[in-house]
Amino acid sequence: MDRVTLVLCINVTGSHKLPVAMVGTANNPLCFRDEGNACPLPYFSQRKASMDKFFYAQWCQTVFLPVVRERHGGAKCAHIMDKSSTHDV
């Protein structure tokens, strides 16, 4: 079975949306191999194409934190997640 997970993140007011990230099972998907076919989204590979604590840590470091730091500088902010097994990261 082919499967992908999309990771969506938005602030409470809806005024700032982070780039949508995609999680798939392939390390280098066929559809993104040819020149000019680069994935337009941050792409991560994970065996089950689902969010686990290892993927969450990688997504947080490469997508979430850089975007939030760029937008808010040194200001403090909270990241709230619901119904996720990744809370222990």
PDB file of N, CA and C in Angstrom:
ATOM      1  N   MET A   1       0.840  -1.172   0.000  1.00  0.00           N
ATOM      2  CA  MET A   1       0.000   0.000   0.000  1.00  0.00           C
ATOM      3  C   MET A   1       0.893   1.247   0.000  1.00  0.00           C
ATOM      4  N   ASP A   2       0.583   2.194  -0.858  1.00  0.00           N
ATOM      5  CA  ASP A   2       1.294   3.463  -0.879  1.00  0.00           C
ATOM      6  C   ASP A   2       0.623   4.407   0.104  1.00  0.00           C
ATOM      7  N   ARG A   3       1.439   5.148   0.807  1.00  0.00           N
ATOM      8  CA  ARG A   3       0.891   6.019   1.836  1.00  0.00           C
ATOM      9  C   ARG A   3       1.772   7.245   1.982  1.00  0.00           C
ATOM     10  N   VAL A   4       1.165   8.398   2.233  1.00  0.00           N
ATOM     11  CA  VAL A   4       1.893   9.615   2.576  1.00  0.00           C
ATOM     12  C   VAL A   4       1.146  10.300   3.715  1.00  0.00           C
ATOM     13  N   THR A   5       1.862  11.089   4.463  1.00  0.00           N
ATOM     14  CA  THR A   5       1.279  11.900   5.520  1.00  0.00           C
ATOM     15  C   THR A   5       1.670  13.338   5.243  1.00  0.00           C
ATOM     16  N   LEU A   6       0.738  14.253   5.373  1.00  0.00           N
ATOM     17  CA  LEU A   6       1.024  15.672   5.238  1.00  0.00           C
ATOM     18  C   LEU A   6       1.005  16.299   6.619  1.00  0.00           C
ATOM     19  N   VAL A   7       1.983  17.124   6.892  1.00  0.00           N
ATOM     20  CA  VAL A   7       2.085  17.792   8.180  1.00  0.00           C
ATOM     21  C   VAL A   7       1.703  19.249   7.975  1.00  0.00           C
ATOM     22  N   LEU A   8       0.644  19.675   8.648  1.00  0.00           N
ATOM     23  CA  LEU A   8       0.136  21.037   8.528  1.00  0.00           C
ATOM     24  C   LEU A   8       0.338  21.761   9.850  1.00  0.00           C
ATOM     25  N   CYS A   9       0.760  23.010   9.782  1.00  0.00           N
ATOM     26  CA  CYS A   9       0.992  23.785  10.995  1.00  0.00           C
ATOM     27  C   CYS A   9       0.610  25.238  10.716  1.00  0.00           C
ATOM     28  N   ILE A  10      -0.194  25.800  11.594  1.00  0.00           N
ATOM     29  CA  ILE A  10      -0.700  27.161  11.416  1.00  0.00           C
ATOM     30  C   ILE A  10      -0.790  27.829  12.785  1.00  0.00           C
ATOM     31  N   ASN A  11      -0.680  29.149  12.810  1.00  0.00           N
ATOM     32  CA  ASN A  11      -0.842  29.817  14.103  1.00  0.00           C
ATOM     33  C   ASN A  11      -2.322  29.948  14.431  1.00  0.00           C
ATOM     34  N   VAL A  12      -2.609  30.356  15.639  1.00  0.00           N
ATOM     35  CA  VAL A  12      -3.983  30.390  16.137  1.00  0.00           C
ATOM     36  C   VAL A  12      -4.889  31.323  15.343  1.00  0.00           C
ATOM     37  N   THR A  13      -4.361  32.427  14.867  1.00  0.00           N
ATOM     38  CA  THR A  13      -5.192  33.392  14.139  1.00  0.00           C
ATOM     39  C   THR A  13      -5.335  33.047  12.663  1.00  0.00           C
ATOM     40  N   GLY A  14      -4.507  32.120  12.178  1.00  0.00           N
ATOM     41  CA  GLY A  14      -4.559  31.745  10.770  1.00  0.00           C
ATOM     42  C   GLY A  14      -3.768  32.678   9.873  1.00  0.00           C
ATOM     43  N   SER A  15      -3.038  33.617  10.459  1.00  0.00           N
ATOM     44  CA  SER A  15      -2.306  34.593   9.663  1.00  0.00           C
ATOM     45  C   SER A  15      -0.927  34.096   9.207  1.00  0.00           C
ATOM     46  N   HIS A  16      -0.455  32.993   9.776  1.00  0.00           N
ATOM     47  CA  HIS A  16       0.858  32.471   9.401  1.00  0.00           C
ATOM     48  C   HIS A  16       0.788  30.957   9.278  1.00  0.00           C
ATOM     49  N   LYS A  17       1.077  30.469   8.081  1.00  0.00           N
ATOM     50  CA  LYS A  17       1.061  29.033   7.813  1.00  0.00           C
ATOM     51  C   LYS A  17       2.472  28.581   7.495  1.00  0.00           C
ATOM     52  N   LEU A  18       2.911  27.501   8.124  1.00  0.00           N
ATOM     53  CA  LEU A  18       4.224  26.942   7.823  1.00  0.00           C
ATOM     54  C   LEU A  18       4.128  26.129   6.545  1.00  0.00           C
ATOM     55  N   PRO A  19       5.265  25.895   5.879  1.00  0.00           N
ATOM     56  CA  PRO A  19       5.225  25.057   4.679  1.00  0.00           C
ATOM     57  C   PRO A  19       4.691  23.667   5.016  1.00  0.00           C
ATOM     58  N   VAL A  20       3.835  23.153   4.171  1.00  0.00           N
ATOM     59  CA  VAL A  20       3.307  21.797   4.347  1.00  0.00           C
ATOM     60  C   VAL A  20       4.457  20.821   4.119  1.00  0.00           C
ATOM     61  N   ALA A  21       4.635  19.874   5.023  1.00  0.00           N
ATOM     62  CA  ALA A  21       5.681  18.864   4.876  1.00  0.00           C
ATOM     63  C   ALA A  21       5.038  17.531   4.500  1.00  0.00           C
ATOM     64  N   MET A  22       5.759  16.730   3.726  1.00  0.00           N
ATOM     65  CA  MET A  22       5.246  15.432   3.286  1.00  0.00           C
ATOM     66  C   MET A  22       6.142  14.321   3.823  1.00  0.00           C
ATOM     67  N   VAL A  23       5.510  13.266   4.319  1.00  0.00           N
ATOM     68  CA  VAL A  23       6.230  12.087   4.803  1.00  0.00           C
ATOM     69  C   VAL A  23       5.811  10.918   3.926  1.00  0.00           C
ATOM     70  N   GLY A  24       6.784  10.262   3.319  1.00  0.00           N
ATOM     71  CA  GLY A  24       6.508   9.094   2.489  1.00  0.00           C
ATOM     72  C   GLY A  24       7.407   7.943   2.898  1.00  0.00           C
ATOM     73  N   THR A  25       7.196   6.792   2.276  1.00  0.00           N
ATOM     74  CA  THR A  25       7.989   5.608   2.619  1.00  0.00           C
ATOM     75  C   THR A  25       9.278   5.512   1.812  1.00  0.00           C
ATOM     76  N   ALA A  26       9.340   6.131   0.652  1.00  0.00           N
ATOM     77  CA  ALA A  26      10.523   6.024  -0.220  1.00  0.00           C
ATOM     78  C   ALA A  26      11.588   7.039   0.187  1.00  0.00           C
ATOM     79  N   ASN A  27      12.843   6.618   0.156  1.00  0.00           N
ATOM     80  CA  ASN A  27      13.938   7.547   0.435  1.00  0.00           C
ATOM     81  C   ASN A  27      14.076   8.583  -0.666  1.00  0.00           C
ATOM     82  N   ASN A  28      13.889   8.161  -1.913  1.00  0.00           N
ATOM     83  CA  ASN A  28      13.998   9.038  -3.072  1.00  0.00           C
ATOM     84  C   ASN A  28      12.887   8.651  -4.049  1.00  0.00           C
ATOM     85  N   PRO A  29      11.679   9.198  -3.900  1.00  0.00           N
ATOM     86  CA  PRO A  29      10.549   8.799  -4.733  1.00  0.00           C
ATOM     87  C   PRO A  29      10.807   8.991  -6.225  1.00  0.00           C
ATOM     88  N   LEU A  30      10.306   8.071  -7.028  1.00  0.00           N
ATOM     89  CA  LEU A  30      10.475   8.133  -8.479  1.00  0.00           C
ATOM     90  C   LEU A  30       9.967   9.443  -9.075  1.00  0.00           C
ATOM     91  N   CYS A  31       8.865   9.944  -8.551  1.00  0.00           N
ATOM     92  CA  CYS A  31       8.266  11.154  -9.127  1.00  0.00           C
ATOM     93  C   CYS A  31       9.117  12.399  -8.924  1.00  0.00           C
ATOM     94  N   PHE A  32      10.104  12.360  -8.026  1.00  0.00           N
ATOM     95  CA  PHE A  32      10.949  13.521  -7.772  1.00  0.00           C
ATOM     96  C   PHE A  32      12.372  13.354  -8.299  1.00  0.00           C
ATOM     97  N   ARG A  33      12.648  12.288  -9.054  1.00  0.00           N
ATOM     98  CA  ARG A  33      14.021  11.992  -9.477  1.00  0.00           C
ATOM     99  C   ARG A  33      14.487  12.782 -10.692  1.00  0.00           C
ATOM    100  N   ASP A  34      13.655  12.981 -11.672  1.00  0.00           N
ATOM    101  CA  ASP A  34      14.084  13.657 -12.897  1.00  0.00           C
ATOM    102  C   ASP A  34      14.362  15.133 -12.636  1.00  0.00           C
ATOM    103  N   GLU A  35      15.242  15.701 -13.453  1.00  0.00           N
ATOM    104  CA  GLU A  35      15.567  17.111 -13.322  1.00  0.00           C
ATOM    105  C   GLU A  35      14.319  17.955 -13.524  1.00  0.00           C
ATOM    106  N   GLY A  36      14.126  18.921 -12.678  1.00  0.00           N
ATOM    107  CA  GLY A  36      12.952  19.785 -12.752  1.00  0.00           C
ATOM    108  C   GLY A  36      11.746  19.218 -12.024  1.00  0.00           C
ATOM    109  N   ASN A  37      11.879  18.045 -11.417  1.00  0.00           N
ATOM    110  CA  ASN A  37      10.769  17.427 -10.688  1.00  0.00           C
ATOM    111  C   ASN A  37      11.028  17.394  -9.185  1.00  0.00           C
ATOM    112  N   ALA A  38      11.769  18.334  -8.680  1.00  0.00           N
ATOM    113  CA  ALA A  38      12.055  18.357  -7.244  1.00  0.00           C
ATOM    114  C   ALA A  38      10.755  18.510  -6.455  1.00  0.00           C
ATOM    115  N   CYS A  39      10.711  17.908  -5.301  1.00  0.00           N
ATOM    116  CA  CYS A  39       9.521  18.003  -4.451  1.00  0.00           C
ATOM    117  C   CYS A  39       9.343  19.453  -4.002  1.00  0.00           C
ATOM    118  N   PRO A  40       8.161  20.025  -4.209  1.00  0.00           N
ATOM    119  CA  PRO A  40       7.939  21.419  -3.819  1.00  0.00           C
ATOM    120  C   PRO A  40       7.745  21.597  -2.315  1.00  0.00           C
ATOM    121  N   LEU A  41       7.640  20.491  -1.592  1.00  0.00           N
ATOM    122  CA  LEU A  41       7.422  20.521  -0.148  1.00  0.00           C
ATOM    123  C   LEU A  41       8.637  19.943   0.563  1.00  0.00           C
ATOM    124  N   PRO A  42       8.840  20.296   1.827  1.00  0.00           N
ATOM    125  CA  PRO A  42       9.853  19.576   2.584  1.00  0.00           C
ATOM    126  C   PRO A  42       9.438  18.098   2.647  1.00  0.00           C
ATOM    127  N   TYR A  43      10.301  17.196   2.186  1.00  0.00           N
ATOM    128  CA  TYR A  43       9.974  15.767   2.118  1.00  0.00           C
ATOM    129  C   TYR A  43      10.847  14.988   3.092  1.00  0.00           C
ATOM    130  N   PHE A  44      10.210  14.066   3.797  1.00  0.00           N
ATOM    131  CA  PHE A  44      10.901  13.200   4.745  1.00  0.00           C
ATOM    132  C   PHE A  44      10.486  11.764   4.459  1.00  0.00           C
ATOM    133  N   SER A  45      11.396  10.833   4.661  1.00  0.00           N
ATOM    134  CA  SER A  45      11.027   9.423   4.498  1.00  0.00           C
ATOM    135  C   SER A  45      10.997   8.766   5.869  1.00  0.00           C
ATOM    136  N   GLN A  46      10.026   7.906   6.039  1.00  0.00           N
ATOM    137  CA  GLN A  46       9.843   7.183   7.287  1.00  0.00           C
ATOM    138  C   GLN A  46       9.183   5.858   6.924  1.00  0.00           C
ATOM    139  N   ARG A  47       9.567   4.790   7.549  1.00  0.00           N
ATOM    140  CA  ARG A  47       9.132   3.443   7.170  1.00  0.00           C
ATOM    141  C   ARG A  47       7.612   3.309   7.023  1.00  0.00           C
ATOM    142  N   LYS A  48       6.856   3.877   7.929  1.00  0.00           N
ATOM    143  CA  LYS A  48       5.394   3.759   7.871  1.00  0.00           C
ATOM    144  C   LYS A  48       4.720   5.027   7.335  1.00  0.00           C
ATOM    145  N   ALA A  49       5.515   6.001   6.930  1.00  0.00           N
ATOM    146  CA  ALA A  49       4.996   7.286   6.430  1.00  0.00           C
ATOM    147  C   ALA A  49       4.061   7.926   7.452  1.00  0.00           C
ATOM    148  N   SER A  50       4.455   7.859   8.705  1.00  0.00           N
ATOM    149  CA  SER A  50       3.623   8.446   9.755  1.00  0.00           C
ATOM    150  C   SER A  50       4.486   9.288  10.682  1.00  0.00           C
ATOM    151  N   MET A  51       3.838  10.023  11.537  1.00  0.00           N
ATOM    152  CA  MET A  51       4.533  10.889  12.480  1.00  0.00           C
ATOM    153  C   MET A  51       4.948  10.066  13.689  1.00  0.00           C
ATOM    154  N   ASP A  52       6.246   9.965  13.925  1.00  0.00           N
ATOM    155  CA  ASP A  52       6.740   9.355  15.153  1.00  0.00           C
ATOM    156  C   ASP A  52       7.689  10.354  15.806  1.00  0.00           C
ATOM    157  N   LYS A  53       8.215  10.030  16.967  1.00  0.00           N
ATOM    158  CA  LYS A  53       9.025  11.019  17.678  1.00  0.00           C
ATOM    159  C   LYS A  53      10.321  11.351  16.949  1.00  0.00           C
ATOM    160  N   PHE A  54      10.867  10.417  16.182  1.00  0.00           N
ATOM    161  CA  PHE A  54      12.095  10.690  15.441  1.00  0.00           C
ATOM    162  C   PHE A  54      11.821  11.629  14.262  1.00  0.00           C
ATOM    163  N   PHE A  55      10.742  11.348  13.535  1.00  0.00           N
ATOM    164  CA  PHE A  55      10.372  12.237  12.442  1.00  0.00           C
ATOM    165  C   PHE A  55       9.997  13.609  12.985  1.00  0.00           C
ATOM    166  N   TYR A  56       9.259  13.650  14.091  1.00  0.00           N
ATOM    167  CA  TYR A  56       8.850  14.925  14.672  1.00  0.00           C
ATOM    168  C   TYR A  56      10.072  15.774  15.019  1.00  0.00           C
ATOM    169  N   ALA A  57      11.082  15.172  15.619  1.00  0.00           N
ATOM    170  CA  ALA A  57      12.295  15.907  15.976  1.00  0.00           C
ATOM    171  C   ALA A  57      12.976  16.464  14.725  1.00  0.00           C
ATOM    172  N   GLN A  58      13.026  15.661  13.666  1.00  0.00           N
ATOM    173  CA  GLN A  58      13.641  16.106  12.408  1.00  0.00           C
ATOM    174  C   GLN A  58      12.833  17.240  11.784  1.00  0.00           C
ATOM    175  N   TRP A  59      11.507  17.109  11.743  1.00  0.00           N
ATOM    176  CA  TRP A  59      10.639  18.148  11.190  1.00  0.00           C
ATOM    177  C   TRP A  59      10.758  19.434  12.000  1.00  0.00           C
ATOM    178  N   CYS A  60      10.780  19.291  13.307  1.00  0.00           N
ATOM    179  CA  CYS A  60      10.868  20.458  14.185  1.00  0.00           C
ATOM    180  C   CYS A  60      12.162  21.229  13.925  1.00  0.00           C
ATOM    181  N   GLN A  61      13.281  20.523  13.776  1.00  0.00           N
ATOM    182  CA  GLN A  61      14.581  21.171  13.566  1.00  0.00           C
ATOM    183  C   GLN A  61      14.725  21.775  12.169  1.00  0.00           C
ATOM    184  N   THR A  62      14.166  21.128  11.144  1.00  0.00           N
ATOM    185  CA  THR A  62      14.389  21.586   9.773  1.00  0.00           C
ATOM    186  C   THR A  62      13.278  22.464   9.200  1.00  0.00           C
ATOM    187  N   VAL A  63      12.066  22.379   9.736  1.00  0.00           N
ATOM    188  CA  VAL A  63      10.947  23.171   9.201  1.00  0.00           C
ATOM    189  C   VAL A  63      10.415  24.153  10.242  1.00  0.00           C
ATOM    190  N   PHE A  64       9.946  23.637  11.367  1.00  0.00           N
ATOM    191  CA  PHE A  64       9.250  24.472  12.354  1.00  0.00           C
ATOM    192  C   PHE A  64      10.134  25.560  12.959  1.00  0.00           C
ATOM    193  N   LEU A  65      11.239  25.172  13.579  1.00  0.00           N
ATOM    194  CA  LEU A  65      12.075  26.152  14.281  1.00  0.00           C
ATOM    195  C   LEU A  65      12.658  27.231  13.367  1.00  0.00           C
ATOM    196  N   PRO A  66      13.198  26.888  12.180  1.00  0.00           N
ATOM    197  CA  PRO A  66      13.718  27.963  11.323  1.00  0.00           C
ATOM    198  C   PRO A  66      12.651  28.990  10.921  1.00  0.00           C
ATOM    199  N   VAL A  67      11.456  28.523  10.604  1.00  0.00           N
ATOM    200  CA  VAL A  67      10.388  29.443  10.187  1.00  0.00           C
ATOM    201  C   VAL A  67       9.937  30.303  11.358  1.00  0.00           C
ATOM    202  N   VAL A  68       9.766  29.699  12.526  1.00  0.00           N
ATOM    203  CA  VAL A  68       9.315  30.451  13.698  1.00  0.00           C
ATOM    204  C   VAL A  68      10.388  31.448  14.138  1.00  0.00           C
ATOM    205  N   ARG A  69      11.651  31.035  14.113  1.00  0.00           N
ATOM    206  CA  ARG A  69      12.731  31.957  14.497  1.00  0.00           C
ATOM    207  C   ARG A  69      12.827  33.134  13.535  1.00  0.00           C
ATOM    208  N   GLU A  70      12.632  32.867  12.256  1.00  0.00           N
ATOM    209  CA  GLU A  70      12.685  33.943  11.260  1.00  0.00           C
ATOM    210  C   GLU A  70      11.548  34.933  11.477  1.00  0.00           C
ATOM    211  N   ARG A  71      10.388  34.420  11.789  1.00  0.00           N
ATOM    212  CA  ARG A  71       9.212  35.283  11.940  1.00  0.00           C
ATOM    213  C   ARG A  71       9.194  36.020  13.280  1.00  0.00           C
ATOM    214  N   HIS A  72       9.586  35.337  14.354  1.00  0.00           N
ATOM    215  CA  HIS A  72       9.441  35.913  15.695  1.00  0.00           C
ATOM    216  C   HIS A  72      10.749  36.294  16.362  1.00  0.00           C
ATOM    217  N   GLY A  73      11.865  36.011  15.722  1.00  0.00           N
ATOM    218  CA  GLY A  73      13.156  36.363  16.322  1.00  0.00           C
ATOM    219  C   GLY A  73      13.357  35.639  17.644  1.00  0.00           C
ATOM    220  N   GLY A  74      13.629  36.378  18.694  1.00  0.00           N
ATOM    221  CA  GLY A  74      13.869  35.779  20.005  1.00  0.00           C
ATOM    222  C   GLY A  74      12.632  35.697  20.876  1.00  0.00           C
ATOM    223  N   ALA A  75      11.476  36.096  20.347  1.00  0.00           N
ATOM    224  CA  ALA A  75      10.252  36.072  21.155  1.00  0.00           C
ATOM    225  C   ALA A  75       9.871  34.642  21.529  1.00  0.00           C
ATOM    226  N   LYS A  76       9.305  34.494  22.692  1.00  0.00           N
ATOM    227  CA  LYS A  76       8.868  33.175  23.137  1.00  0.00           C
ATOM    228  C   LYS A  76       7.542  32.820  22.474  1.00  0.00           C
ATOM    229  N   CYS A  77       7.376  31.558  22.140  1.00  0.00           N
ATOM    230  CA  CYS A  77       6.112  31.080  21.594  1.00  0.00           C
ATOM    231  C   CYS A  77       5.876  29.655  22.074  1.00  0.00           C
ATOM    232  N   ALA A  78       4.650  29.224  21.983  1.00  0.00           N
ATOM    233  CA  ALA A  78       4.270  27.874  22.415  1.00  0.00           C
ATOM    234  C   ALA A  78       3.889  27.046  21.196  1.00  0.00           C
ATOM    235  N   HIS A  79       4.220  25.779  21.243  1.00  0.00           N
ATOM    236  CA  HIS A  79       3.857  24.835  20.183  1.00  0.00           C
ATOM    237  C   HIS A  79       2.956  23.790  20.834  1.00  0.00           C
ATOM    238  N   ILE A  80       1.691  23.787  20.463  1.00  0.00           N
ATOM    239  CA  ILE A  80       0.716  22.896  21.081  1.00  0.00           C
ATOM    240  C   ILE A  80       0.303  21.838  20.077  1.00  0.00           C
ATOM    241  N   MET A  81       0.388  20.578  20.494  1.00  0.00           N
ATOM    242  CA  MET A  81      -0.018  19.457  19.643  1.00  0.00           C
ATOM    243  C   MET A  81      -1.101  18.674  20.360  1.00  0.00           C
ATOM    244  N   ASP A  82      -1.960  18.046  19.593  1.00  0.00           N
ATOM    245  CA  ASP A  82      -3.028  17.252  20.180  1.00  0.00           C
ATOM    246  C   ASP A  82      -3.005  15.847  19.605  1.00  0.00           C
ATOM    247  N   LYS A  83      -3.262  14.868  20.447  1.00  0.00           N
ATOM    248  CA  LYS A  83      -3.393  13.459  20.050  1.00  0.00           C
ATOM    249  C   LYS A  83      -2.195  12.968  19.267  1.00  0.00           C
ATOM    250  N   SER A  84      -1.012  13.174  19.817  1.00  0.00           N
ATOM    251  CA  SER A  84       0.196  12.724  19.142  1.00  0.00           C
ATOM    252  C   SER A  84       1.055  11.929  20.107  1.00  0.00           C
ATOM    253  N   SER A  85       1.656  10.873  19.608  1.00  0.00           N
ATOM    254  CA  SER A  85       2.535  10.061  20.439  1.00  0.00           C
ATOM    255  C   SER A  85       3.939  10.657  20.491  1.00  0.00           C
ATOM    256  N   THR A  86       4.131  11.830  19.935  1.00  0.00           N
ATOM    257  CA  THR A  86       5.453  12.448  19.866  1.00  0.00           C
ATOM    258  C   THR A  86       5.706  13.416  21.005  1.00  0.00           C
ATOM    259  N   HIS A  87       4.821  13.510  21.967  1.00  0.00           N
ATOM    260  CA  HIS A  87       4.966  14.498  23.050  1.00  0.00           C
ATOM    261  C   HIS A  87       6.227  14.311  23.879  1.00  0.00           C
ATOM    262  N   ASP A  88       6.817  13.123  23.904  1.00  0.00           N
ATOM    263  CA  ASP A  88       7.985  12.905  24.750  1.00  0.00           C
ATOM    264  C   ASP A  88       9.292  13.321  24.099  1.00  0.00           C
ATOM    265  N   VAL A  89       9.262  14.016  22.982  1.00  0.00           N
ATOM    266  CA  VAL A  89      10.494  14.456  22.306  1.00  0.00           C
ATOM    267  C   VAL A  89      11.116  15.582  23.092  1.00  0.00           C
TER     268      VAL A  89
END
